[in-house]
Amino acid sequence: MRRRYSSRGNKKYIGHIIAISLLALVVAYPMGKYFETLLIRFGGETQPTITNPKGDEDVNVVEEGTEVVLKAREIILIQNGVFSTLGGAQTHGQNLQESEFEAILIKDDVIRVITGLYLDKDSPQNSLNKQRELGFDNFLAEYIIPETFITIKDNDEDKKAVVEHTLLVFEEVLEKTHEYFLTGEVKTLSNHSGLNEIHSISEQKILNDILQVISKYDTWTQTSSNQDRDEYFTVLFSFIKSK
C-alpha cells in the first residue's frame, strides 16, 4: 500500500526544527560568552599575546627626579687620512689647504685629517667629488650620537630649564659647525649664558662633556685661530666617538 505524505505535516516538522535551532542559539550564545570570560580570566588564548607590554614599569620614570632628552643625531665626516705622526698629517693638511679645502687635524689615538663635518649625507657630496677630481683620497665616516636621557636628581623646574637650554645650545653648535663647511664662516652662539650652573645640577659626565664642547666652540669663534679650531674638533670628535 502506498503511503501518503501530507505537506501540512512536513511544514509542522520543519517548524519544530527551526524552533529547536533558535532555542539552541539563545542558550549557546551566553554560555559561549561565559566560557570566553573564564578563558580570559584564567589564562586562555582568546586575546592576542603581547610579548613586550608597555606597562608603567617600562616608561622612563626616575624614582627621584626627572629626565631631559638629548635627541639622536647623525654625524658625517669627510675623512682624508689617518696618520701616526703629526708631520705626515700636517703635510697632507697643507696640500688640502692649498687646494682651498678646510683641513682640520683631530688628535686622537691617531691623527685624523678631515675636511668636513655635516649633519646629513647629501651636503658633503660636492666637496667630496671635487677632492676626488683633484686626486685626493677621501671617504665619509658616519657616527651616531644616540638618544640619551639626562637625569636631574630633584624635581626642580629651574634646574631642568638650565639643562634643556644647554642641550639647545649644543644643538646650535652642531648646526653652526655644519654651516661652517658650507659657507666658510664661523658664527657665534646666540645665547649661552648661565651654562656653568650645569656643574651643580647633575653628576652625569655627559653634561660636562657637552659643556666642554660648547666652551671650545665658543673660544674658536672668538679667536678664529687654527689651533683653537683643531682643539674644538678634537674635543667634539672625542665626544661623538664615545657615544
Protein backbone atom coordinates (compact mmCIF):
# COMPACT_ATOMS: atom_id res chain seq x y z
CA MET A 1 0.00 0.00 0.00
CA ARG A 2 1.45 3.38 -0.94
CA ARG A 3 1.83 5.86 1.96
CA ARG A 4 0.65 9.37 1.51
CA TYR A 5 2.55 12.31 2.99
CA SER A 6 0.83 15.49 3.92
CA SER A 7 2.55 18.81 3.08
CA ARG A 8 1.00 20.12 6.21
CA GLY A 9 2.87 17.55 8.32
CA ASN A 10 6.13 18.45 6.59
CA LYS A 11 5.69 22.12 7.40
CA LYS A 12 4.96 21.29 11.01
CA TYR A 13 8.14 19.15 11.20
CA ILE A 14 10.28 21.89 9.67
CA GLY A 15 8.78 24.40 12.09
CA HIS A 16 9.90 22.24 15.03
CA ILE A 17 13.47 22.09 13.67
CA ILE A 18 13.64 25.88 13.30
CA ALA A 19 12.26 26.41 16.80
CA ILE A 20 14.81 23.99 18.33
CA SER A 21 17.67 25.65 16.40
CA LEU A 22 16.70 29.13 17.63
CA LEU A 23 16.46 27.83 21.20
CA ALA A 24 19.95 26.30 20.90
CA LEU A 25 21.39 29.64 19.70
CA VAL A 26 19.74 31.53 22.54
CA VAL A 27 21.25 29.15 25.09
CA ALA A 28 24.67 28.73 23.40
CA TYR A 29 25.50 32.44 22.94
CA PRO A 30 25.51 33.46 26.63
CA MET A 31 27.21 30.19 27.55
CA GLY A 32 29.88 30.87 24.94
CA LYS A 33 30.47 34.38 26.32
CA TYR A 34 30.65 32.91 29.82
CA PHE A 35 33.32 30.38 28.83
CA GLU A 36 35.20 33.09 26.91
CA THR A 37 35.25 35.20 30.07
CA LEU A 38 36.61 32.25 32.04
CA LEU A 39 39.35 31.68 29.45
CA ILE A 40 40.40 35.32 29.51
CA ARG A 41 40.37 35.44 33.30
CA PHE A 42 42.27 32.19 33.88
CA GLY A 43 44.85 32.31 31.10
CA GLY A 44 43.14 31.35 27.88
CA GLU A 45 44.45 32.37 24.43
CA THR A 46 41.39 34.17 23.11
CA GLN A 47 43.20 37.52 23.29
CA PRO A 48 46.48 38.30 21.43
CA THR A 49 49.63 37.80 23.49
CA ILE A 50 51.79 40.91 24.00
CA THR A 51 55.38 39.74 24.20
CA ASN A 52 56.78 43.09 25.34
CA PRO A 53 53.98 45.02 27.05
CA LYS A 54 54.45 48.74 27.59
CA GLY A 55 53.41 48.95 31.21
CA ASP A 56 54.16 51.62 33.76
CA GLU A 57 57.42 49.88 34.61
CA ASP A 58 58.68 50.36 31.04
CA VAL A 59 58.17 54.11 30.87
CA ASN A 60 61.24 56.26 31.52
CA VAL A 61 60.46 57.10 35.12
CA VAL A 62 63.06 58.15 37.64
CA GLU A 63 62.42 57.29 41.28
CA GLU A 64 63.65 60.69 42.43
CA GLY A 65 63.84 63.45 39.85
CA THR A 66 63.14 63.88 36.18
CA GLU A 67 64.81 63.37 32.80
CA VAL A 68 65.71 65.57 29.86
CA VAL A 69 66.37 64.01 26.45
CA LEU A 70 69.37 64.61 24.21
CA LYS A 71 67.97 63.60 20.83
CA ALA A 72 69.86 61.31 18.47
CA ARG A 73 71.95 62.93 15.72
CA GLU A 74 73.81 61.52 12.74
CA ILE A 75 77.30 62.98 12.23
CA ILE A 76 79.11 62.67 8.87
CA LEU A 77 82.82 63.41 8.47
CA ILE A 78 84.84 63.78 5.28
CA GLN A 79 87.97 61.94 6.35
CA ASN A 80 91.08 62.38 4.20
CA GLY A 81 93.69 60.40 6.05
CA VAL A 82 94.86 58.80 9.27
CA PHE A 83 98.45 59.33 10.38
CA SER A 84 100.66 58.05 13.17
CA THR A 85 102.87 61.16 13.14
CA LEU A 86 101.97 64.83 13.34
CA GLY A 87 104.35 65.73 10.50
CA GLY A 88 102.63 63.46 7.98
CA ALA A 89 99.20 64.80 8.95
CA GLN A 90 100.38 68.42 8.70
CA THR A 91 101.88 67.87 5.23
CA HIS A 92 98.69 66.28 3.94
CA GLY A 93 96.59 69.01 5.55
CA GLN A 94 98.72 71.68 3.90
CA ASN A 95 98.20 70.09 0.48
CA LEU A 96 94.45 70.17 1.02
CA GLN A 97 94.60 73.79 2.22
CA GLU A 98 96.47 74.82 -0.91
CA SER A 99 93.58 73.38 -2.93
CA GLU A 100 91.17 75.50 -0.84
CA PHE A 101 89.79 72.75 1.36
CA GLU A 102 89.50 73.41 5.10
CA ALA A 103 91.84 70.78 6.54
CA ILE A 104 91.47 70.05 10.26
CA LEU A 105 93.69 67.83 12.39
CA ILE A 106 91.98 65.76 15.07
CA LYS A 107 94.44 64.39 17.63
CA ASP A 108 93.09 61.07 18.88
CA ASP A 109 94.97 57.79 19.38
CA VAL A 110 95.99 58.60 15.80
CA ILE A 111 95.90 61.90 13.92
CA ARG A 112 92.97 62.25 11.55
CA VAL A 113 92.74 64.78 8.76
CA ILE A 114 89.16 65.84 7.99
CA THR A 115 87.73 68.47 5.66
CA GLY A 116 84.11 68.48 6.76
CA LEU A 117 81.57 67.67 9.45
CA TYR A 118 77.91 67.53 8.43
CA LEU A 119 74.53 66.50 9.78
CA ASP A 120 73.36 64.70 6.63
CA LYS A 121 74.86 62.65 3.79
CA ASP A 122 73.90 64.95 0.93
CA SER A 123 75.72 68.13 1.98
CA PRO A 124 79.30 66.79 1.68
CA GLN A 125 78.88 65.33 -1.81
CA ASN A 126 80.02 68.43 -3.71
CA SER A 127 83.26 68.76 -1.74
CA LEU A 128 83.79 65.01 -1.81
CA ASN A 129 83.63 64.91 -5.62
CA LYS A 130 85.87 67.96 -6.11
CA GLN A 131 88.59 66.43 -3.94
CA ARG A 132 88.48 63.17 -5.89
CA GLU A 133 88.74 65.06 -9.16
CA LEU A 134 91.95 66.65 -7.84
CA GLY A 135 93.36 63.27 -6.83
CA PHE A 136 92.72 63.37 -3.07
CA ASP A 137 91.61 60.21 -1.34
CA ASN A 138 88.62 60.58 0.97
CA PHE A 139 85.61 58.78 2.39
CA LEU A 140 82.58 59.51 4.54
CA ALA A 141 82.87 58.37 8.15
CA GLU A 142 79.48 58.02 9.83
CA TYR A 143 78.81 58.33 13.56
CA ILE A 144 75.66 58.42 15.68
CA ILE A 145 75.06 60.40 18.84
CA PRO A 146 72.37 58.18 20.38
CA GLU A 147 69.28 59.40 22.18
CA THR A 148 70.36 59.94 25.77
CA PHE A 149 68.34 60.56 28.94
CA ILE A 150 69.96 63.03 31.32
CA THR A 151 68.78 62.75 34.91
CA ILE A 152 68.10 65.69 37.19
CA LYS A 153 68.07 64.40 40.74
CA ASP A 154 65.27 66.54 42.11
CA ASN A 155 62.12 67.91 40.53
CA ASP A 156 63.41 71.45 40.19
CA GLU A 157 61.98 73.28 37.17
CA ASP A 158 64.75 75.89 37.22
CA LYS A 159 67.46 73.22 37.01
CA LYS A 160 65.53 71.40 34.31
CA ALA A 161 65.33 74.63 32.30
CA VAL A 162 69.12 75.07 32.53
CA VAL A 163 69.73 71.53 31.26
CA GLU A 164 67.24 71.98 28.42
CA HIS A 165 68.92 75.27 27.49
CA THR A 166 72.33 73.57 27.49
CA LEU A 167 71.11 70.89 25.09
CA LEU A 168 69.64 73.56 22.81
CA VAL A 169 72.99 75.36 22.74
CA PHE A 170 74.71 72.07 21.91
CA GLU A 171 72.28 71.58 19.01
CA GLU A 172 73.13 75.10 17.84
CA VAL A 173 76.85 74.26 17.98
CA LEU A 174 76.30 71.24 15.73
CA GLU A 175 74.19 73.25 13.29
CA LYS A 176 76.75 76.07 13.07
CA THR A 177 79.59 73.56 12.61
CA HIS A 178 77.67 72.06 9.69
CA GLU A 179 77.11 75.53 8.22
CA TYR A 180 80.81 76.39 8.57
CA PHE A 181 81.74 73.84 5.89
CA LEU A 182 79.05 75.20 3.58
CA THR A 183 79.75 78.93 3.98
CA GLY A 184 83.28 79.12 5.42
CA GLU A 185 82.00 81.43 8.16
CA VAL A 186 82.40 80.78 11.89
CA LYS A 187 79.23 82.04 13.60
CA THR A 188 78.96 82.92 17.28
CA LEU A 189 76.35 81.35 19.53
CA SER A 190 73.11 83.23 20.12
CA ASN A 191 72.70 82.75 23.88
CA HIS A 192 74.84 80.58 26.09
CA SER A 193 74.82 82.40 29.40
CA GLY A 194 74.35 80.52 32.66
CA LEU A 195 75.74 77.22 31.40
CA ASN A 196 78.27 76.92 34.23
CA GLU A 197 75.35 76.10 36.52
CA ILE A 198 75.40 72.64 34.96
CA HIS A 199 78.14 71.52 37.36
CA SER A 200 75.80 71.83 40.34
CA ILE A 201 72.80 70.19 38.67
CA SER A 202 73.83 66.71 37.63
CA GLU A 203 76.70 64.34 38.28
CA GLN A 204 76.31 62.78 34.84
CA LYS A 205 79.53 63.05 32.84
CA ILE A 206 77.71 63.70 29.56
CA LEU A 207 76.65 67.19 30.67
CA ASN A 208 80.20 68.22 31.49
CA ASP A 209 81.37 66.77 28.16
CA ILE A 210 78.71 68.80 26.32
CA LEU A 211 79.72 71.90 28.25
CA GLN A 212 83.35 71.39 27.20
CA VAL A 213 82.33 71.08 23.53
CA ILE A 214 80.34 74.32 23.77
CA SER A 215 83.22 76.09 25.53
CA LYS A 216 85.77 75.02 22.88
CA TYR A 217 83.46 76.14 20.09
CA ASP A 218 82.93 79.49 21.79
CA THR A 219 86.70 80.01 22.12
CA TRP A 220 87.21 79.23 18.43
CA THR A 221 84.56 81.77 17.38
CA GLN A 222 86.34 84.45 19.41
CA THR A 223 89.88 83.80 18.17
CA SER A 224 89.32 82.23 14.71
CA SER A 225 92.72 80.56 15.13
CA ASN A 226 93.51 77.20 13.52
CA GLN A 227 94.82 75.89 16.83
CA ASP A 228 91.54 76.62 18.65
CA ARG A 229 89.63 75.25 15.68
CA ASP A 230 91.55 71.96 15.82
CA GLU A 231 91.13 71.74 19.60
CA TYR A 232 87.38 72.21 19.23
CA PHE A 233 87.09 69.46 16.63
CA THR A 234 89.28 67.14 18.71
CA VAL A 235 87.00 67.57 21.74
CA LEU A 236 83.85 67.23 19.62
CA PHE A 237 85.14 64.08 17.90
CA SER A 238 86.08 62.57 21.25
CA PHE A 239 82.53 63.20 22.48
CA ILE A 240 80.95 61.74 19.33
CA LYS A 241 83.17 58.67 19.29
CA SER A 242 82.50 57.87 22.95
CA LYS A 243 78.74 57.59 22.44
